[in-house]
Amino acid sequence: AGAMEAAGAGRLGPQLLVQRSQEAKAAAYCPYSGFAVGAALLTASGQIFSGCNVENACYSLGACAERTAIQKAVSEGHTSFKAMAIASDREDAFIVPCGACRQVMREFGRDWDIYLTKPDGSYIVKRLEELLPLSFGPEDLRK
């Protein structure tokens, strides 16, 4: 998974990340909402970690795709991120992360790209700072 994807991410740019988020969406476990989401996270070292949403009958115990990808990356020792692409089946608007996911993303910096996509592969790019302005992060606990 590592070196080949690292080279591909640099060569293909965001298209590879968008494709990987769409592939991750296929694994979504969403029997209650029917709203499948996939995410692909690019680390500073060039590795890609994907995640999907995983629902639970006790609704509050479900996990979003974005947080799943971040937790997979962190569990493998990665805490520096460059970008994340998010995919859904929603055709009428670009998919956006929920507030909880924005705050979890913020734990790892505010200066990285988030690719908001549509099923056709089109996307818009936002900096995390744009999605969560005036945010609270780890450095605020050190003041």
N, C-alpha and C. Protein backbone atom coordinates (compact mmCIF):
# COMPACT_ATOMS: atom_id res chain seq x y z
N ALA A 1 0.81 -1.21 0.00
CA ALA A 1 0.00 0.00 0.00
C ALA A 1 0.84 1.26 0.00
N GLY A 2 1.99 1.29 0.61
CA GLY A 2 2.74 2.52 0.85
C GLY A 2 3.35 3.20 -0.35
N ALA A 3 4.49 2.70 -0.85
CA ALA A 3 5.29 3.42 -1.83
C ALA A 3 4.58 3.64 -3.15
N MET A 4 3.85 2.64 -3.62
CA MET A 4 3.16 2.79 -4.89
C MET A 4 2.11 3.89 -4.81
N GLU A 5 1.36 3.90 -3.73
CA GLU A 5 0.34 4.94 -3.58
C GLU A 5 0.96 6.31 -3.36
N ALA A 6 2.09 6.36 -2.67
CA ALA A 6 2.75 7.63 -2.44
C ALA A 6 3.15 8.24 -3.78
N ALA A 7 3.72 7.43 -4.67
CA ALA A 7 4.11 7.92 -5.99
C ALA A 7 2.88 8.33 -6.78
N GLY A 8 1.82 7.53 -6.70
CA GLY A 8 0.59 7.83 -7.42
C GLY A 8 -0.06 9.11 -6.95
N ALA A 9 -0.03 9.35 -5.65
CA ALA A 9 -0.67 10.55 -5.11
C ALA A 9 0.00 11.80 -5.65
N GLY A 10 1.33 11.77 -5.76
CA GLY A 10 2.04 12.93 -6.29
C GLY A 10 1.80 13.10 -7.77
N ARG A 11 1.72 12.00 -8.50
CA ARG A 11 1.60 12.04 -9.95
C ARG A 11 0.18 12.38 -10.38
N LEU A 12 -0.80 11.77 -9.74
CA LEU A 12 -2.18 11.94 -10.17
C LEU A 12 -2.91 13.06 -9.45
N GLY A 13 -2.31 13.58 -8.41
CA GLY A 13 -2.95 14.64 -7.65
C GLY A 13 -4.20 14.15 -6.96
N PRO A 14 -5.20 15.00 -6.88
CA PRO A 14 -6.39 14.66 -6.10
C PRO A 14 -7.24 13.55 -6.70
N GLN A 15 -7.08 13.24 -7.99
CA GLN A 15 -7.91 12.21 -8.61
C GLN A 15 -7.77 10.87 -7.90
N LEU A 16 -6.55 10.50 -7.51
CA LEU A 16 -6.34 9.24 -6.81
C LEU A 16 -7.05 9.24 -5.46
N LEU A 17 -6.96 10.34 -4.75
CA LEU A 17 -7.61 10.44 -3.45
C LEU A 17 -9.13 10.38 -3.59
N VAL A 18 -9.67 11.06 -4.60
CA VAL A 18 -11.12 11.02 -4.86
C VAL A 18 -11.54 9.59 -5.20
N GLN A 19 -10.76 8.92 -6.05
CA GLN A 19 -11.08 7.54 -6.43
C GLN A 19 -11.07 6.62 -5.21
N ARG A 20 -10.07 6.76 -4.36
CA ARG A 20 -9.98 5.92 -3.17
C ARG A 20 -11.15 6.19 -2.21
N SER A 21 -11.63 7.43 -2.13
CA SER A 21 -12.78 7.71 -1.27
C SER A 21 -14.04 7.05 -1.82
N GLN A 22 -14.16 7.03 -3.16
CA GLN A 22 -15.31 6.37 -3.78
C GLN A 22 -15.25 4.86 -3.55
N GLU A 23 -14.06 4.29 -3.62
CA GLU A 23 -13.90 2.85 -3.36
C GLU A 23 -14.25 2.53 -1.91
N ALA A 24 -13.83 3.38 -0.99
CA ALA A 24 -14.12 3.16 0.43
C ALA A 24 -15.61 3.20 0.71
N LYS A 25 -16.31 4.05 -0.02
CA LYS A 25 -17.77 4.19 0.15
C LYS A 25 -18.48 2.86 -0.10
N ALA A 26 -17.94 2.05 -0.98
CA ALA A 26 -18.57 0.77 -1.32
C ALA A 26 -18.62 -0.17 -0.12
N ALA A 27 -17.76 0.04 0.87
CA ALA A 27 -17.74 -0.82 2.05
C ALA A 27 -18.62 -0.29 3.18
N ALA A 28 -19.28 0.84 2.98
CA ALA A 28 -20.08 1.45 4.05
C ALA A 28 -21.13 0.48 4.60
N TYR A 29 -21.29 0.51 5.91
CA TYR A 29 -22.32 -0.27 6.59
C TYR A 29 -23.37 0.74 7.08
N CYS A 30 -24.43 0.90 6.30
CA CYS A 30 -25.42 1.94 6.62
C CYS A 30 -26.84 1.41 6.41
N PRO A 31 -27.23 0.34 7.15
CA PRO A 31 -28.55 -0.23 6.96
C PRO A 31 -29.69 0.67 7.44
N TYR A 32 -29.41 1.66 8.25
CA TYR A 32 -30.48 2.50 8.82
C TYR A 32 -30.70 3.76 7.99
N SER A 33 -29.63 4.46 7.66
CA SER A 33 -29.78 5.69 6.89
C SER A 33 -29.75 5.45 5.38
N GLY A 34 -29.06 4.39 4.95
CA GLY A 34 -28.88 4.18 3.52
C GLY A 34 -27.95 5.21 2.89
N PHE A 35 -27.27 5.99 3.71
CA PHE A 35 -26.40 7.08 3.25
C PHE A 35 -24.94 6.65 3.38
N ALA A 36 -24.40 6.08 2.31
CA ALA A 36 -23.03 5.57 2.31
C ALA A 36 -22.03 6.71 2.12
N VAL A 37 -20.97 6.69 2.92
CA VAL A 37 -19.91 7.70 2.82
C VAL A 37 -18.56 6.99 2.87
N GLY A 38 -17.63 7.48 2.05
CA GLY A 38 -16.26 6.98 2.07
C GLY A 38 -15.31 8.14 2.21
N ALA A 39 -14.15 7.88 2.79
CA ALA A 39 -13.13 8.91 2.94
C ALA A 39 -11.77 8.30 2.65
N ALA A 40 -10.88 9.11 2.09
CA ALA A 40 -9.50 8.70 1.85
C ALA A 40 -8.60 9.81 2.36
N LEU A 41 -7.69 9.46 3.25
CA LEU A 41 -6.82 10.40 3.95
C LEU A 41 -5.39 10.24 3.47
N LEU A 42 -4.78 11.33 3.03
CA LEU A 42 -3.39 11.32 2.58
C LEU A 42 -2.50 11.83 3.71
N THR A 43 -1.56 10.99 4.13
CA THR A 43 -0.64 11.39 5.20
C THR A 43 0.52 12.19 4.62
N ALA A 44 1.25 12.85 5.50
CA ALA A 44 2.41 13.63 5.08
C ALA A 44 3.47 12.75 4.44
N SER A 45 3.51 11.46 4.81
CA SER A 45 4.49 10.55 4.23
C SER A 45 4.01 9.92 2.92
N GLY A 46 2.80 10.28 2.47
CA GLY A 46 2.30 9.82 1.19
C GLY A 46 1.44 8.58 1.22
N GLN A 47 1.14 8.06 2.40
CA GLN A 47 0.26 6.89 2.49
C GLN A 47 -1.19 7.33 2.47
N ILE A 48 -2.05 6.45 1.98
CA ILE A 48 -3.49 6.73 1.95
C ILE A 48 -4.19 5.74 2.86
N PHE A 49 -5.01 6.26 3.76
CA PHE A 49 -5.84 5.45 4.64
C PHE A 49 -7.29 5.75 4.30
N SER A 50 -8.07 4.70 4.07
CA SER A 50 -9.47 4.92 3.72
C SER A 50 -10.38 4.53 4.88
N GLY A 51 -11.60 5.01 4.83
CA GLY A 51 -12.59 4.67 5.85
C GLY A 51 -13.98 4.81 5.28
N CYS A 52 -14.93 4.14 5.91
CA CYS A 52 -16.33 4.25 5.53
C CYS A 52 -17.15 4.47 6.79
N ASN A 53 -18.40 4.88 6.61
CA ASN A 53 -19.25 5.01 7.78
C ASN A 53 -19.73 3.63 8.21
N VAL A 54 -19.87 3.48 9.53
CA VAL A 54 -20.29 2.22 10.12
C VAL A 54 -21.40 2.55 11.12
N GLU A 55 -22.65 2.24 10.75
CA GLU A 55 -23.78 2.56 11.63
C GLU A 55 -23.99 1.47 12.67
N ASN A 56 -24.82 1.80 13.64
CA ASN A 56 -25.10 0.89 14.74
C ASN A 56 -26.57 1.06 15.12
N ALA A 57 -27.21 -0.02 15.56
CA ALA A 57 -28.61 0.07 15.98
C ALA A 57 -28.78 1.11 17.09
N CYS A 58 -27.79 1.25 17.95
CA CYS A 58 -27.76 2.35 18.91
C CYS A 58 -27.11 3.51 18.17
N TYR A 59 -27.91 4.36 17.55
CA TYR A 59 -27.45 5.32 16.56
C TYR A 59 -26.21 6.10 16.97
N SER A 60 -26.12 6.52 18.21
CA SER A 60 -25.01 7.37 18.62
C SER A 60 -23.67 6.64 18.61
N LEU A 61 -23.67 5.33 18.48
CA LEU A 61 -22.42 4.56 18.46
C LEU A 61 -21.85 4.39 17.06
N GLY A 62 -22.53 4.90 16.06
CA GLY A 62 -22.01 4.82 14.70
C GLY A 62 -20.77 5.67 14.53
N ALA A 63 -20.03 5.41 13.46
CA ALA A 63 -18.80 6.15 13.17
C ALA A 63 -18.83 6.67 11.74
N CYS A 64 -18.40 7.90 11.56
CA CYS A 64 -18.33 8.50 10.23
C CYS A 64 -17.10 8.00 9.48
N ALA A 65 -17.16 8.08 8.17
CA ALA A 65 -16.05 7.66 7.31
C ALA A 65 -14.77 8.44 7.61
N GLU A 66 -14.91 9.75 7.81
CA GLU A 66 -13.75 10.60 8.03
C GLU A 66 -13.02 10.20 9.31
N ARG A 67 -13.78 9.97 10.37
CA ARG A 67 -13.16 9.59 11.64
C ARG A 67 -12.58 8.18 11.57
N THR A 68 -13.22 7.29 10.82
CA THR A 68 -12.67 5.94 10.64
C THR A 68 -11.31 6.01 9.96
N ALA A 69 -11.19 6.81 8.91
CA ALA A 69 -9.91 6.94 8.20
C ALA A 69 -8.84 7.53 9.11
N ILE A 70 -9.20 8.55 9.86
CA ILE A 70 -8.23 9.18 10.77
C ILE A 70 -7.79 8.20 11.85
N GLN A 71 -8.73 7.46 12.42
CA GLN A 71 -8.38 6.51 13.47
C GLN A 71 -7.49 5.39 12.94
N LYS A 72 -7.75 4.95 11.70
CA LYS A 72 -6.88 3.93 11.09
C LYS A 72 -5.47 4.47 10.93
N ALA A 73 -5.35 5.70 10.44
CA ALA A 73 -4.03 6.30 10.23
C ALA A 73 -3.29 6.48 11.56
N VAL A 74 -3.98 7.02 12.56
CA VAL A 74 -3.35 7.25 13.86
C VAL A 74 -2.94 5.92 14.48
N SER A 75 -3.76 4.90 14.34
CA SER A 75 -3.44 3.59 14.91
C SER A 75 -2.22 2.96 14.25
N GLU A 76 -1.85 3.46 13.08
CA GLU A 76 -0.66 2.98 12.37
C GLU A 76 0.51 3.95 12.53
N GLY A 77 0.36 4.95 13.43
CA GLY A 77 1.46 5.85 13.74
C GLY A 77 1.52 7.15 12.95
N HIS A 78 0.48 7.48 12.20
CA HIS A 78 0.48 8.70 11.39
C HIS A 78 -0.38 9.78 12.05
N THR A 79 0.19 10.97 12.22
CA THR A 79 -0.57 12.08 12.80
C THR A 79 -0.41 13.38 12.01
N SER A 80 0.25 13.32 10.87
CA SER A 80 0.44 14.49 10.03
C SER A 80 -0.23 14.22 8.68
N PHE A 81 -1.21 15.07 8.34
CA PHE A 81 -2.02 14.83 7.16
C PHE A 81 -1.95 15.97 6.17
N LYS A 82 -2.06 15.63 4.88
CA LYS A 82 -2.03 16.62 3.80
C LYS A 82 -3.42 16.91 3.24
N ALA A 83 -4.24 15.85 3.11
CA ALA A 83 -5.53 16.03 2.45
C ALA A 83 -6.45 14.86 2.76
N MET A 84 -7.75 15.11 2.57
CA MET A 84 -8.76 14.06 2.67
C MET A 84 -9.80 14.30 1.60
N ALA A 85 -10.22 13.23 0.93
CA ALA A 85 -11.35 13.29 0.00
C ALA A 85 -12.52 12.56 0.64
N ILE A 86 -13.71 13.09 0.44
CA ILE A 86 -14.93 12.49 1.00
C ILE A 86 -15.90 12.23 -0.14
N ALA A 87 -16.51 11.04 -0.14
CA ALA A 87 -17.43 10.66 -1.23
C ALA A 87 -18.76 10.17 -0.67
N SER A 88 -19.82 10.44 -1.42
CA SER A 88 -21.15 9.90 -1.12
C SER A 88 -21.86 9.67 -2.44
N ASP A 89 -23.10 9.22 -2.36
CA ASP A 89 -23.91 9.04 -3.58
C ASP A 89 -24.76 10.27 -3.88
N ARG A 90 -24.60 11.30 -3.09
CA ARG A 90 -25.40 12.51 -3.26
C ARG A 90 -24.96 13.26 -4.52
N GLU A 91 -25.87 13.39 -5.48
CA GLU A 91 -25.54 14.00 -6.77
C GLU A 91 -25.85 15.48 -6.83
N ASP A 92 -26.74 15.95 -5.95
CA ASP A 92 -27.21 17.34 -6.03
C ASP A 92 -26.31 18.34 -5.31
N ALA A 93 -25.36 17.86 -4.50
CA ALA A 93 -24.49 18.76 -3.77
C ALA A 93 -23.20 18.03 -3.40
N PHE A 94 -22.14 18.80 -3.17
CA PHE A 94 -20.88 18.22 -2.72
C PHE A 94 -21.04 17.77 -1.27
N ILE A 95 -20.52 16.58 -0.94
CA ILE A 95 -20.61 16.05 0.41
C ILE A 95 -19.71 16.87 1.34
N VAL A 96 -20.18 17.16 2.53
CA VAL A 96 -19.40 17.91 3.52
C VAL A 96 -19.31 17.10 4.81
N PRO A 97 -18.24 17.27 5.56
CA PRO A 97 -18.10 16.54 6.83
C PRO A 97 -19.00 17.15 7.91
N CYS A 98 -19.45 16.31 8.83
CA CYS A 98 -20.25 16.80 9.95
C CYS A 98 -19.36 17.60 10.90
N GLY A 99 -19.96 18.27 11.84
CA GLY A 99 -19.21 19.09 12.80
C GLY A 99 -18.26 18.28 13.65
N ALA A 100 -18.68 17.09 14.08
CA ALA A 100 -17.80 16.26 14.91
C ALA A 100 -16.55 15.86 14.12
N CYS A 101 -16.72 15.51 12.85
CA CYS A 101 -15.57 15.13 12.03
C CYS A 101 -14.64 16.33 11.82
N ARG A 102 -15.21 17.50 11.63
CA ARG A 102 -14.38 18.70 11.46
C ARG A 102 -13.50 18.92 12.69
N GLN A 103 -14.07 18.72 13.87
CA GLN A 103 -13.30 18.90 15.09
C GLN A 103 -12.22 17.82 15.23
N VAL A 104 -12.53 16.58 14.86
CA VAL A 104 -11.52 15.52 14.92
C VAL A 104 -10.40 15.82 13.92
N MET A 105 -10.75 16.28 12.73
CA MET A 105 -9.74 16.67 11.75
C MET A 105 -8.84 17.77 12.32
N ARG A 106 -9.46 18.72 12.99
CA ARG A 106 -8.75 19.88 13.54
C ARG A 106 -7.70 19.48 14.58
N GLU A 107 -7.92 18.36 15.24
CA GLU A 107 -6.94 17.86 16.22
C GLU A 107 -5.55 17.73 15.57
N PHE A 108 -5.53 17.52 14.26
CA PHE A 108 -4.28 17.25 13.55
C PHE A 108 -3.89 18.41 12.64
N GLY A 109 -4.27 19.60 13.00
CA GLY A 109 -3.91 20.80 12.27
C GLY A 109 -5.10 21.41 11.55
N ARG A 110 -4.90 22.62 11.09
CA ARG A 110 -5.99 23.30 10.37
C ARG A 110 -5.61 23.65 8.94
N ASP A 111 -4.38 23.33 8.56
CA ASP A 111 -3.86 23.74 7.26
C ASP A 111 -3.71 22.56 6.32
N TRP A 112 -4.82 21.86 6.05
CA TRP A 112 -4.78 20.79 5.06
C TRP A 112 -6.04 20.83 4.22
N ASP A 113 -5.99 20.17 3.05
CA ASP A 113 -7.07 20.25 2.07
C ASP A 113 -8.12 19.17 2.29
N ILE A 114 -9.37 19.57 2.11
CA ILE A 114 -10.49 18.63 2.15
C ILE A 114 -11.19 18.71 0.79
N TYR A 115 -11.23 17.55 0.09
CA TYR A 115 -11.88 17.48 -1.22
C TYR A 115 -13.31 17.01 -1.02
N LEU A 116 -14.25 17.89 -1.33
CA LEU A 116 -15.68 17.59 -1.22
C LEU A 116 -16.13 17.16 -2.61
N THR A 117 -16.65 15.94 -2.73
CA THR A 117 -16.88 15.37 -4.06
C THR A 117 -18.36 15.09 -4.35
N LYS A 118 -18.59 14.78 -5.62
CA LYS A 118 -19.86 14.24 -6.11
C LYS A 118 -19.55 12.89 -6.75
N PRO A 119 -20.57 12.04 -6.96
CA PRO A 119 -20.33 10.71 -7.53
C PRO A 119 -19.66 10.72 -8.91
N ASP A 120 -19.81 11.79 -9.67
CA ASP A 120 -19.19 11.85 -10.99
C ASP A 120 -17.69 12.15 -10.93
N GLY A 121 -17.15 12.32 -9.71
CA GLY A 121 -15.73 12.59 -9.56
C GLY A 121 -15.38 14.07 -9.49
N SER A 122 -16.37 14.94 -9.71
CA SER A 122 -16.09 16.36 -9.59
C SER A 122 -15.90 16.70 -8.11
N TYR A 123 -15.17 17.77 -7.85
CA TYR A 123 -14.89 18.13 -6.46
C TYR A 123 -14.61 19.62 -6.32
N ILE A 124 -14.73 20.08 -5.10
CA ILE A 124 -14.24 21.40 -4.72
C ILE A 124 -13.29 21.18 -3.54
N VAL A 125 -12.33 22.07 -3.39
CA VAL A 125 -11.34 21.94 -2.33
C VAL A 125 -11.53 23.06 -1.32
N LYS A 126 -11.55 22.68 -0.06
CA LYS A 126 -11.60 23.65 1.03
C LYS A 126 -10.46 23.36 1.98
N ARG A 127 -9.88 24.39 2.56
CA ARG A 127 -8.91 24.20 3.62
C ARG A 127 -9.72 23.91 4.88
N LEU A 128 -9.18 23.11 5.77
CA LEU A 128 -9.90 22.79 7.00
C LEU A 128 -10.24 24.07 7.76
N GLU A 129 -9.35 25.04 7.71
CA GLU A 129 -9.58 26.34 8.37
C GLU A 129 -10.89 26.98 7.87
N GLU A 130 -11.21 26.79 6.59
CA GLU A 130 -12.45 27.33 6.02
C GLU A 130 -13.68 26.59 6.55
N LEU A 131 -13.53 25.28 6.78
CA LEU A 131 -14.65 24.47 7.25
C LEU A 131 -14.89 24.59 8.75
N LEU A 132 -13.85 25.01 9.48
CA LEU A 132 -13.97 25.15 10.93
C LEU A 132 -13.20 26.39 11.37
N PRO A 133 -13.77 27.58 11.06
CA PRO A 133 -13.07 28.82 11.44
C PRO A 133 -13.12 29.05 12.95
N LEU A 134 -12.18 29.83 13.43
CA LEU A 134 -12.12 30.17 14.86
C LEU A 134 -12.16 28.91 15.72
N SER A 135 -11.37 27.93 15.35
CA SER A 135 -11.44 26.62 15.97
C SER A 135 -10.61 26.52 17.25
N PHE A 136 -10.94 25.50 18.01
CA PHE A 136 -10.24 25.14 19.24
C PHE A 136 -9.40 23.91 18.97
N GLY A 137 -8.11 23.98 19.31
CA GLY A 137 -7.23 22.85 19.04
C GLY A 137 -6.26 22.59 20.17
N PRO A 138 -5.37 21.63 19.99
CA PRO A 138 -4.44 21.24 21.04
C PRO A 138 -3.62 22.39 21.63
N GLU A 139 -3.23 23.33 20.76
CA GLU A 139 -2.42 24.44 21.26
C GLU A 139 -3.18 25.33 22.25
N ASP A 140 -4.50 25.31 22.19
CA ASP A 140 -5.30 26.11 23.13
C ASP A 140 -5.22 25.57 24.55
N LEU A 141 -4.89 24.30 24.70
CA LEU A 141 -4.76 23.71 26.02
C LEU A 141 -3.42 24.03 26.66
N ARG A 142 -2.50 24.55 25.87
CA ARG A 142 -1.15 24.87 26.37
C ARG A 142 -1.01 26.33 26.77
N LYS A 143 -2.06 27.11 26.66
CA LYS A 143 -1.97 28.55 26.95
C LYS A 143 -2.07 28.82 28.43
